[in-house]
Amino acid sequence: MNAFEIPEARAFIIHWGEMGTHWGVNRSVAQIHALLYLSDRPLHAEEICETLGLARSNVSNGVKELQGYGIVRRAHLEGDRRDHFVAETDLWEMLTRIVSERKRREIDPTIEALQRLSAEMEGRTDVPAHIRERIGRMHDFIGTLAHWYDDVRKLPKSTLTTLMKLGGRVARLLPGRKS
């Protein structure tokens, strides 16, 4: 049975596509991901096209984007020359790959740009102090966030799960925290 034939699966795929647009991902790409995530077997491009009603070029581009994030991989089936595709189903692995790729594409270039801007303004008297200070603060903040991410991603999945479940209660363990 095709996942899209199950009303709840169809609702999930449509919702994932909608959420994708809020996260800056093309709706079709997010729907392709949702379909592959729910599938119990590798799907070839024509199946994806037929199921989602997408053009072949749209599916091809979408699969390439998902492969770029490392959350979809190519699979070959014996006796079938077509490429088939499978989504990562380990949720921590999927999250880690998406965040790592977004950091590489979005955060790292921002840190570099802020570093360059801070260096260019250093010693200049024609730039108001508040602009230098705010760009410098933004650079420090995003750099700290990136270092925090690098530290956190080294933690075992079990530790990350425990930290998530603790939520804000983890702050009680910090020195100087008032009850």
N, C-alpha and C. Protein backbone atom coordinates (compact mmCIF):
# COMPACT_ATOMS: atom_id res chain seq x y z
N MET A 1 0.84 -1.19 0.00
CA MET A 1 0.00 0.00 0.00
C MET A 1 0.88 1.25 0.00
N ASN A 2 0.54 2.19 -0.82
CA ASN A 2 1.23 3.46 -0.93
C ASN A 2 0.91 4.31 0.31
N ALA A 3 1.94 4.91 0.89
CA ALA A 3 1.75 5.74 2.09
C ALA A 3 0.74 6.86 1.85
N PHE A 4 0.69 7.37 0.62
CA PHE A 4 -0.19 8.50 0.31
C PHE A 4 -1.66 8.08 0.31
N GLU A 5 -1.92 6.77 0.27
CA GLU A 5 -3.30 6.28 0.30
C GLU A 5 -3.87 6.26 1.72
N ILE A 6 -3.02 6.37 2.72
CA ILE A 6 -3.46 6.39 4.12
C ILE A 6 -3.70 7.85 4.50
N PRO A 7 -4.92 8.20 4.90
CA PRO A 7 -5.24 9.61 5.16
C PRO A 7 -4.28 10.30 6.14
N GLU A 8 -3.89 9.61 7.19
CA GLU A 8 -2.98 10.23 8.17
C GLU A 8 -1.59 10.44 7.57
N ALA A 9 -1.14 9.50 6.76
CA ALA A 9 0.16 9.65 6.10
C ALA A 9 0.11 10.81 5.10
N ARG A 10 -0.99 10.89 4.34
CA ARG A 10 -1.16 12.00 3.39
C ARG A 10 -1.16 13.33 4.14
N ALA A 11 -1.87 13.39 5.28
CA ALA A 11 -1.92 14.61 6.08
C ALA A 11 -0.53 14.98 6.58
N PHE A 12 0.26 13.97 6.99
CA PHE A 12 1.63 14.21 7.45
C PHE A 12 2.48 14.79 6.32
N ILE A 13 2.38 14.19 5.15
CA ILE A 13 3.18 14.64 4.00
C ILE A 13 2.81 16.07 3.62
N ILE A 14 1.54 16.38 3.59
CA ILE A 14 1.09 17.74 3.26
C ILE A 14 1.55 18.72 4.33
N HIS A 15 1.38 18.34 5.59
CA HIS A 15 1.81 19.22 6.68
C HIS A 15 3.32 19.44 6.66
N TRP A 16 4.08 18.38 6.41
CA TRP A 16 5.55 18.50 6.35
C TRP A 16 5.95 19.47 5.25
N GLY A 17 5.23 19.42 4.13
CA GLY A 17 5.49 20.37 3.05
C GLY A 17 5.21 21.80 3.47
N GLU A 18 4.10 22.00 4.19
CA GLU A 18 3.77 23.34 4.69
C GLU A 18 4.83 23.83 5.67
N MET A 19 5.22 22.94 6.60
CA MET A 19 6.24 23.32 7.58
C MET A 19 7.56 23.63 6.90
N GLY A 20 7.87 22.88 5.86
CA GLY A 20 9.10 23.13 5.13
C GLY A 20 9.18 24.57 4.64
N THR A 21 8.06 25.10 4.16
CA THR A 21 8.08 26.49 3.66
C THR A 21 8.38 27.46 4.80
N HIS A 22 7.96 27.14 6.01
CA HIS A 22 8.26 28.00 7.16
C HIS A 22 9.73 27.89 7.57
N TRP A 23 10.35 26.77 7.26
CA TRP A 23 11.76 26.55 7.61
C TRP A 23 12.71 26.95 6.47
N GLY A 24 12.14 27.52 5.40
CA GLY A 24 12.97 27.93 4.28
C GLY A 24 13.29 26.82 3.30
N VAL A 25 12.48 25.76 3.31
CA VAL A 25 12.67 24.64 2.40
C VAL A 25 11.48 24.61 1.44
N ASN A 26 11.76 24.36 0.19
CA ASN A 26 10.72 24.27 -0.83
C ASN A 26 9.69 23.21 -0.42
N ARG A 27 8.42 23.51 -0.62
CA ARG A 27 7.32 22.60 -0.25
C ARG A 27 7.50 21.22 -0.86
N SER A 28 7.83 21.16 -2.15
CA SER A 28 8.00 19.87 -2.83
C SER A 28 9.14 19.06 -2.22
N VAL A 29 10.23 19.73 -1.89
CA VAL A 29 11.37 19.05 -1.28
C VAL A 29 10.95 18.44 0.06
N ALA A 30 10.23 19.21 0.86
CA ALA A 30 9.78 18.71 2.16
C ALA A 30 8.79 17.55 1.99
N GLN A 31 7.93 17.63 0.99
CA GLN A 31 6.98 16.53 0.76
C GLN A 31 7.70 15.27 0.29
N ILE A 32 8.70 15.42 -0.55
CA ILE A 32 9.50 14.27 -0.99
C ILE A 32 10.15 13.62 0.23
N HIS A 33 10.71 14.45 1.09
CA HIS A 33 11.34 13.93 2.30
C HIS A 33 10.32 13.17 3.15
N ALA A 34 9.15 13.75 3.36
CA ALA A 34 8.12 13.10 4.18
C ALA A 34 7.70 11.76 3.58
N LEU A 35 7.51 11.73 2.27
CA LEU A 35 7.11 10.49 1.60
C LEU A 35 8.18 9.41 1.79
N LEU A 36 9.44 9.77 1.56
CA LEU A 36 10.53 8.80 1.72
C LEU A 36 10.68 8.38 3.18
N TYR A 37 10.47 9.31 4.09
CA TYR A 37 10.57 8.99 5.52
C TYR A 37 9.51 7.95 5.92
N LEU A 38 8.31 8.09 5.39
CA LEU A 38 7.23 7.18 5.74
C LEU A 38 7.28 5.85 4.98
N SER A 39 8.00 5.84 3.88
CA SER A 39 8.02 4.63 3.04
C SER A 39 8.78 3.49 3.72
N ASP A 40 8.25 2.29 3.57
CA ASP A 40 8.90 1.12 4.15
C ASP A 40 9.84 0.44 3.15
N ARG A 41 10.02 1.08 1.99
CA ARG A 41 10.90 0.52 0.97
C ARG A 41 11.47 1.68 0.14
N PRO A 42 12.58 1.44 -0.53
CA PRO A 42 13.14 2.47 -1.41
C PRO A 42 12.16 2.81 -2.54
N LEU A 43 12.07 4.08 -2.91
CA LEU A 43 11.20 4.51 -4.00
C LEU A 43 12.04 5.08 -5.13
N HIS A 44 11.62 4.83 -6.37
CA HIS A 44 12.30 5.44 -7.51
C HIS A 44 11.59 6.74 -7.86
N ALA A 45 12.24 7.56 -8.65
CA ALA A 45 11.75 8.90 -8.94
C ALA A 45 10.35 8.91 -9.55
N GLU A 46 10.06 7.94 -10.42
CA GLU A 46 8.74 7.91 -11.06
C GLU A 46 7.64 7.67 -10.01
N GLU A 47 7.93 6.82 -9.03
CA GLU A 47 6.95 6.59 -7.95
C GLU A 47 6.71 7.87 -7.15
N ILE A 48 7.76 8.59 -6.90
CA ILE A 48 7.64 9.84 -6.15
C ILE A 48 6.82 10.84 -6.97
N CYS A 49 7.11 10.92 -8.27
CA CYS A 49 6.36 11.83 -9.16
C CYS A 49 4.87 11.49 -9.15
N GLU A 50 4.57 10.22 -9.35
CA GLU A 50 3.17 9.78 -9.42
C GLU A 50 2.45 10.00 -8.09
N THR A 51 3.10 9.66 -7.00
CA THR A 51 2.47 9.76 -5.69
C THR A 51 2.18 11.21 -5.31
N LEU A 52 3.15 12.09 -5.55
CA LEU A 52 3.00 13.48 -5.11
C LEU A 52 2.49 14.40 -6.21
N GLY A 53 2.38 13.89 -7.44
CA GLY A 53 1.91 14.73 -8.54
C GLY A 53 2.91 15.81 -8.91
N LEU A 54 4.19 15.47 -8.84
CA LEU A 54 5.25 16.44 -9.14
C LEU A 54 5.91 16.11 -10.47
N ALA A 55 6.47 17.14 -11.10
CA ALA A 55 7.22 16.95 -12.33
C ALA A 55 8.53 16.22 -12.04
N ARG A 56 9.01 15.48 -13.02
CA ARG A 56 10.25 14.70 -12.85
C ARG A 56 11.42 15.60 -12.48
N SER A 57 11.51 16.78 -13.10
CA SER A 57 12.61 17.70 -12.79
C SER A 57 12.51 18.19 -11.34
N ASN A 58 11.31 18.41 -10.87
CA ASN A 58 11.10 18.84 -9.49
C ASN A 58 11.57 17.76 -8.52
N VAL A 59 11.23 16.52 -8.81
CA VAL A 59 11.65 15.40 -7.96
C VAL A 59 13.17 15.24 -8.01
N SER A 60 13.73 15.33 -9.19
CA SER A 60 15.18 15.19 -9.34
C SER A 60 15.92 16.25 -8.52
N ASN A 61 15.49 17.50 -8.65
CA ASN A 61 16.12 18.59 -7.90
C ASN A 61 15.89 18.42 -6.40
N GLY A 62 14.69 18.00 -6.03
CA GLY A 62 14.38 17.81 -4.62
C GLY A 62 15.22 16.73 -3.98
N VAL A 63 15.37 15.62 -4.68
CA VAL A 63 16.17 14.51 -4.15
C VAL A 63 17.62 14.95 -4.01
N LYS A 64 18.14 15.71 -4.99
CA LYS A 64 19.52 16.20 -4.90
C LYS A 64 19.69 17.09 -3.68
N GLU A 65 18.72 17.96 -3.42
CA GLU A 65 18.81 18.83 -2.25
C GLU A 65 18.81 18.01 -0.96
N LEU A 66 17.94 17.01 -0.88
CA LEU A 66 17.87 16.17 0.31
C LEU A 66 19.15 15.34 0.48
N GLN A 67 19.74 14.91 -0.62
CA GLN A 67 21.02 14.21 -0.56
C GLN A 67 22.11 15.16 -0.06
N GLY A 68 22.02 16.43 -0.46
CA GLY A 68 22.98 17.43 0.00
C GLY A 68 22.95 17.61 1.51
N TYR A 69 21.78 17.45 2.08
CA TYR A 69 21.64 17.52 3.54
C TYR A 69 22.04 16.20 4.21
N GLY A 70 22.20 15.16 3.41
CA GLY A 70 22.57 13.86 3.95
C GLY A 70 21.43 13.13 4.62
N ILE A 71 20.18 13.49 4.29
CA ILE A 71 19.04 12.83 4.93
C ILE A 71 18.30 11.90 3.96
N VAL A 72 18.76 11.85 2.72
CA VAL A 72 18.25 10.90 1.73
C VAL A 72 19.47 10.34 1.01
N ARG A 73 19.42 9.04 0.76
CA ARG A 73 20.53 8.42 0.03
C ARG A 73 19.98 7.57 -1.11
N ARG A 74 20.84 7.34 -2.07
CA ARG A 74 20.50 6.50 -3.22
C ARG A 74 20.62 5.03 -2.81
N ALA A 75 19.71 4.24 -3.32
CA ALA A 75 19.75 2.79 -3.06
C ALA A 75 19.52 2.08 -4.39
N HIS A 76 20.20 0.98 -4.58
CA HIS A 76 20.04 0.19 -5.80
C HIS A 76 19.37 -1.13 -5.44
N LEU A 77 18.40 -1.51 -6.25
CA LEU A 77 17.72 -2.78 -6.05
C LEU A 77 18.18 -3.75 -7.13
N GLU A 78 18.43 -4.96 -6.74
CA GLU A 78 18.90 -5.97 -7.67
C GLU A 78 17.87 -6.16 -8.78
N GLY A 79 18.35 -6.15 -10.01
CA GLY A 79 17.49 -6.36 -11.16
C GLY A 79 16.76 -5.11 -11.64
N ASP A 80 16.99 -3.99 -11.00
CA ASP A 80 16.33 -2.73 -11.40
C ASP A 80 17.42 -1.69 -11.61
N ARG A 81 17.51 -1.16 -12.81
CA ARG A 81 18.57 -0.21 -13.14
C ARG A 81 18.30 1.19 -12.64
N ARG A 82 17.06 1.45 -12.23
CA ARG A 82 16.71 2.80 -11.77
C ARG A 82 17.31 3.07 -10.38
N ASP A 83 17.56 4.34 -10.13
CA ASP A 83 17.97 4.75 -8.78
C ASP A 83 16.73 4.80 -7.90
N HIS A 84 16.89 4.29 -6.71
CA HIS A 84 15.83 4.36 -5.71
C HIS A 84 16.37 5.21 -4.56
N PHE A 85 15.47 5.72 -3.74
CA PHE A 85 15.88 6.63 -2.68
C PHE A 85 15.26 6.22 -1.35
N VAL A 86 16.06 6.43 -0.30
CA VAL A 86 15.67 6.06 1.06
C VAL A 86 16.00 7.24 1.96
N ALA A 87 15.09 7.54 2.89
CA ALA A 87 15.33 8.62 3.85
C ALA A 87 15.94 8.07 5.13
N GLU A 88 16.73 8.88 5.77
CA GLU A 88 17.23 8.57 7.12
C GLU A 88 16.02 8.53 8.05
N THR A 89 15.93 7.50 8.86
CA THR A 89 14.78 7.40 9.77
C THR A 89 15.17 7.59 11.23
N ASP A 90 16.47 7.60 11.53
CA ASP A 90 16.92 7.89 12.89
C ASP A 90 16.76 9.40 13.09
N LEU A 91 15.86 9.78 13.99
CA LEU A 91 15.52 11.20 14.15
C LEU A 91 16.68 12.04 14.64
N TRP A 92 17.49 11.52 15.56
CA TRP A 92 18.66 12.27 16.02
C TRP A 92 19.66 12.45 14.89
N GLU A 93 19.86 11.40 14.12
CA GLU A 93 20.80 11.49 13.00
C GLU A 93 20.30 12.51 11.98
N MET A 94 19.00 12.46 11.70
CA MET A 94 18.41 13.41 10.75
C MET A 94 18.58 14.85 11.25
N LEU A 95 18.25 15.08 12.50
CA LEU A 95 18.38 16.43 13.08
C LEU A 95 19.83 16.90 13.03
N THR A 96 20.74 16.02 13.41
CA THR A 96 22.16 16.37 13.42
C THR A 96 22.65 16.75 12.03
N ARG A 97 22.26 15.98 11.03
CA ARG A 97 22.70 16.26 9.66
C ARG A 97 22.11 17.57 9.14
N ILE A 98 20.84 17.81 9.42
CA ILE A 98 20.20 19.05 8.96
C ILE A 98 20.84 20.26 9.62
N VAL A 99 21.02 20.18 10.94
CA VAL A 99 21.60 21.32 11.66
C VAL A 99 23.04 21.55 11.22
N SER A 100 23.80 20.49 11.05
CA SER A 100 25.19 20.64 10.60
C SER A 100 25.27 21.31 9.24
N GLU A 101 24.40 20.88 8.33
CA GLU A 101 24.42 21.46 6.99
C GLU A 101 23.95 22.91 7.01
N ARG A 102 22.91 23.21 7.79
CA ARG A 102 22.44 24.59 7.87
C ARG A 102 23.51 25.48 8.52
N LYS A 103 24.20 24.95 9.52
CA LYS A 103 25.28 25.72 10.13
C LYS A 103 26.35 26.02 9.08
N ARG A 104 26.72 25.01 8.32
CA ARG A 104 27.74 25.19 7.28
C ARG A 104 27.31 26.23 6.24
N ARG A 105 26.03 26.18 5.84
CA ARG A 105 25.54 27.06 4.79
C ARG A 105 25.19 28.47 5.27
N GLU A 106 24.71 28.58 6.52
CA GLU A 106 24.16 29.85 6.98
C GLU A 106 24.96 30.50 8.11
N ILE A 107 25.30 29.75 9.13
CA ILE A 107 25.95 30.33 10.30
C ILE A 107 27.43 30.62 10.05
N ASP A 108 28.15 29.64 9.51
CA ASP A 108 29.58 29.83 9.28
C ASP A 108 29.88 31.03 8.38
N PRO A 109 29.16 31.22 7.25
CA PRO A 109 29.42 32.41 6.44
C PRO A 109 29.06 33.72 7.18
N THR A 110 28.06 33.66 8.05
CA THR A 110 27.70 34.85 8.81
C THR A 110 28.80 35.21 9.79
N ILE A 111 29.37 34.21 10.46
CA ILE A 111 30.48 34.46 11.39
C ILE A 111 31.66 35.07 10.63
N GLU A 112 31.96 34.52 9.45
CA GLU A 112 33.06 35.05 8.64
C GLU A 112 32.79 36.50 8.23
N ALA A 113 31.55 36.78 7.81
CA ALA A 113 31.20 38.15 7.39
C ALA A 113 31.30 39.13 8.57
N LEU A 114 30.81 38.72 9.72
CA LEU A 114 30.86 39.60 10.90
C LEU A 114 32.31 39.82 11.34
N GLN A 115 33.14 38.79 11.24
CA GLN A 115 34.56 38.93 11.57
C GLN A 115 35.22 39.93 10.63
N ARG A 116 34.92 39.78 9.34
CA ARG A 116 35.50 40.69 8.33
C ARG A 116 35.05 42.13 8.58
N LEU A 117 33.74 42.32 8.85
CA LEU A 117 33.22 43.66 9.10
C LEU A 117 33.85 44.27 10.35
N SER A 118 33.99 43.47 11.39
CA SER A 118 34.62 43.98 12.63
C SER A 118 36.05 44.41 12.35
N ALA A 119 36.79 43.60 11.61
CA ALA A 119 38.18 43.93 11.28
C ALA A 119 38.26 45.20 10.44
N GLU A 120 37.33 45.35 9.47
CA GLU A 120 37.34 46.53 8.61
C GLU A 120 37.05 47.81 9.38
N MET A 121 36.24 47.71 10.43
CA MET A 121 35.86 48.91 11.20
C MET A 121 36.89 49.27 12.27
N GLU A 122 37.75 48.32 12.61
CA GLU A 122 38.70 48.55 13.69
C GLU A 122 39.59 49.76 13.41
N GLY A 123 39.66 50.64 14.39
CA GLY A 123 40.50 51.83 14.28
C GLY A 123 39.91 52.95 13.46
N ARG A 124 38.75 52.73 12.86
CA ARG A 124 38.13 53.81 12.06
C ARG A 124 37.37 54.75 12.97
N THR A 125 37.49 56.04 12.67
CA THR A 125 36.78 57.05 13.48
C THR A 125 35.49 57.51 12.80
N ASP A 126 35.28 57.11 11.55
CA ASP A 126 34.08 57.53 10.83
C ASP A 126 32.90 56.58 11.05
N VAL A 127 33.10 55.51 11.81
CA VAL A 127 32.03 54.57 12.11
C VAL A 127 31.59 54.80 13.55
N PRO A 128 30.31 55.08 13.75
CA PRO A 128 29.83 55.31 15.12
C PRO A 128 30.12 54.11 16.02
N ALA A 129 30.45 54.42 17.27
CA ALA A 129 30.82 53.38 18.24
C ALA A 129 29.72 52.35 18.42
N HIS A 130 28.46 52.79 18.38
CA HIS A 130 27.36 51.83 18.61
C HIS A 130 27.25 50.80 17.48
N ILE A 131 27.63 51.19 16.27
CA ILE A 131 27.60 50.23 15.15
C ILE A 131 28.71 49.21 15.32
N ARG A 132 29.92 49.68 15.64
CA ARG A 132 31.04 48.76 15.89
C ARG A 132 30.69 47.80 17.04
N GLU A 133 30.12 48.35 18.10
CA GLU A 133 29.79 47.56 19.28
C GLU A 133 28.72 46.52 18.97
N ARG A 134 27.70 46.89 18.24
CA ARG A 134 26.61 45.96 17.95
C ARG A 134 27.02 44.86 16.98
N ILE A 135 27.80 45.20 15.98
CA ILE A 135 28.30 44.18 15.06
C ILE A 135 29.25 43.25 15.81
N GLY A 136 30.09 43.80 16.67
CA GLY A 136 30.98 42.99 17.49
C GLY A 136 30.23 42.06 18.42
N ARG A 137 29.18 42.56 19.05
CA ARG A 137 28.35 41.73 19.94
C ARG A 137 27.68 40.60 19.17
N MET A 138 27.18 40.94 17.97
CA MET A 138 26.54 39.91 17.15
C MET A 138 27.55 38.84 16.77
N HIS A 139 28.77 39.25 16.41
CA HIS A 139 29.82 38.30 16.07
C HIS A 139 30.13 37.39 17.26
N ASP A 140 30.29 37.98 18.43
CA ASP A 140 30.57 37.19 19.64
C ASP A 140 29.43 36.22 19.95
N PHE A 141 28.20 36.70 19.84
CA PHE A 141 27.04 35.88 20.16
C PHE A 141 26.92 34.68 19.22
N ILE A 142 26.98 34.94 17.93
CA ILE A 142 26.84 33.85 16.96
C ILE A 142 28.03 32.91 17.04
N GLY A 143 29.22 33.45 17.29
CA GLY A 143 30.39 32.60 17.46
C GLY A 143 30.25 31.70 18.68
N THR A 144 29.74 32.25 19.79
CA THR A 144 29.50 31.45 20.99
C THR A 144 28.48 30.36 20.72
N LEU A 145 27.41 30.72 20.02
CA LEU A 145 26.38 29.75 19.66
C LEU A 145 26.98 28.61 18.83
N ALA A 146 27.83 28.95 17.88
CA ALA A 146 28.45 27.93 17.01
C ALA A 146 29.37 27.02 17.84
N HIS A 147 30.14 27.61 18.77
CA HIS A 147 31.01 26.79 19.62
C HIS A 147 30.18 25.88 20.52
N TRP A 148 29.07 26.41 21.05
CA TRP A 148 28.17 25.60 21.88
C TRP A 148 27.65 24.42 21.07
N TYR A 149 27.21 24.69 19.85
CA TYR A 149 26.70 23.62 18.98
C TYR A 149 27.78 22.57 18.75
N ASP A 150 29.01 23.01 18.47
CA ASP A 150 30.10 22.06 18.23
C ASP A 150 30.34 21.17 19.45
N ASP A 151 30.23 21.75 20.65
CA ASP A 151 30.39 20.97 21.89
C ASP A 151 29.23 19.99 22.07
N VAL A 152 28.01 20.47 21.87
CA VAL A 152 26.82 19.65 22.11
C VAL A 152 26.75 18.49 21.13
N ARG A 153 27.12 18.71 19.88
CA ARG A 153 26.99 17.63 18.90
C ARG A 153 27.93 16.46 19.17
N LYS A 154 28.93 16.66 20.03
CA LYS A 154 29.85 15.58 20.38
C LYS A 154 29.26 14.68 21.47
N LEU A 155 28.18 15.14 22.11
CA LEU A 155 27.58 14.35 23.19
C LEU A 155 26.86 13.13 22.62
N PRO A 156 26.84 12.05 23.39
CA PRO A 156 26.09 10.86 22.94
C PRO A 156 24.59 11.17 22.86
N LYS A 157 23.91 10.46 21.98
CA LYS A 157 22.46 10.67 21.81
C LYS A 157 21.71 10.49 23.13
N SER A 158 22.14 9.53 23.94
CA SER A 158 21.45 9.29 25.22
C SER A 158 21.56 10.51 26.14
N THR A 159 22.71 11.18 26.13
CA THR A 159 22.89 12.38 26.94
C THR A 159 22.03 13.52 26.40
N LEU A 160 21.98 13.66 25.09
CA LEU A 160 21.15 14.70 24.49
C LEU A 160 19.68 14.49 24.82
N THR A 161 19.24 13.25 24.76
CA THR A 161 17.85 12.94 25.08
C THR A 161 17.55 13.30 26.54
N THR A 162 18.46 12.95 27.44
CA THR A 162 18.28 13.28 28.85
C THR A 162 18.22 14.79 29.05
N LEU A 163 19.12 15.52 28.40
CA LEU A 163 19.12 16.98 28.51
C LEU A 163 17.81 17.58 28.00
N MET A 164 17.31 17.06 26.89
CA MET A 164 16.05 17.57 26.36
C MET A 164 14.90 17.31 27.33
N LYS A 165 14.89 16.12 27.92
CA LYS A 165 13.81 15.79 28.85
C LYS A 165 13.89 16.62 30.12
N LEU A 166 15.11 16.98 30.53
CA LEU A 166 15.26 17.84 31.70
C LEU A 166 14.77 19.26 31.43
N GLY A 167 14.93 19.70 30.20
CA GLY A 167 14.48 21.05 29.84
C GLY A 167 15.13 22.11 30.72
N GLY A 168 14.33 23.05 31.17
CA GLY A 168 14.83 24.16 31.99
C GLY A 168 15.31 23.72 33.36
N ARG A 169 14.93 22.54 33.79
CA ARG A 169 15.37 22.05 35.11
C ARG A 169 16.87 21.86 35.17
N VAL A 170 17.52 21.72 34.03
CA VAL A 170 18.97 21.55 34.01
C VAL A 170 19.66 22.79 34.59
N ALA A 171 19.01 23.95 34.52
CA ALA A 171 19.59 25.19 35.04
C ALA A 171 19.82 25.11 36.55
N ARG A 172 19.07 24.27 37.26
CA ARG A 172 19.26 24.11 38.70
C ARG A 172 20.65 23.59 39.04
N LEU A 173 21.28 22.94 38.08
CA LEU A 173 22.61 22.38 38.32
C LEU A 173 23.72 23.42 38.20
N LEU A 174 23.39 24.60 37.68
CA LEU A 174 24.39 25.63 37.46
C LEU A 174 24.67 26.41 38.74
N PRO A 175 25.94 26.72 38.99
CA PRO A 175 26.27 27.50 40.20
C PRO A 175 25.70 28.92 40.08
N GLY A 176 25.33 29.48 41.23
CA GLY A 176 24.84 30.85 41.28
C GLY A 176 23.38 31.00 40.91
N ARG A 177 22.72 29.91 40.57
CA ARG A 177 21.31 29.95 40.19
C ARG A 177 20.46 30.02 41.45
N LYS A 178 19.54 30.98 41.48
CA LYS A 178 18.63 31.09 42.61
C LYS A 178 17.46 30.15 42.41
N SER A 179 16.99 29.55 43.48
CA SER A 179 15.86 28.61 43.41
C SER A 179 14.57 29.33 43.14
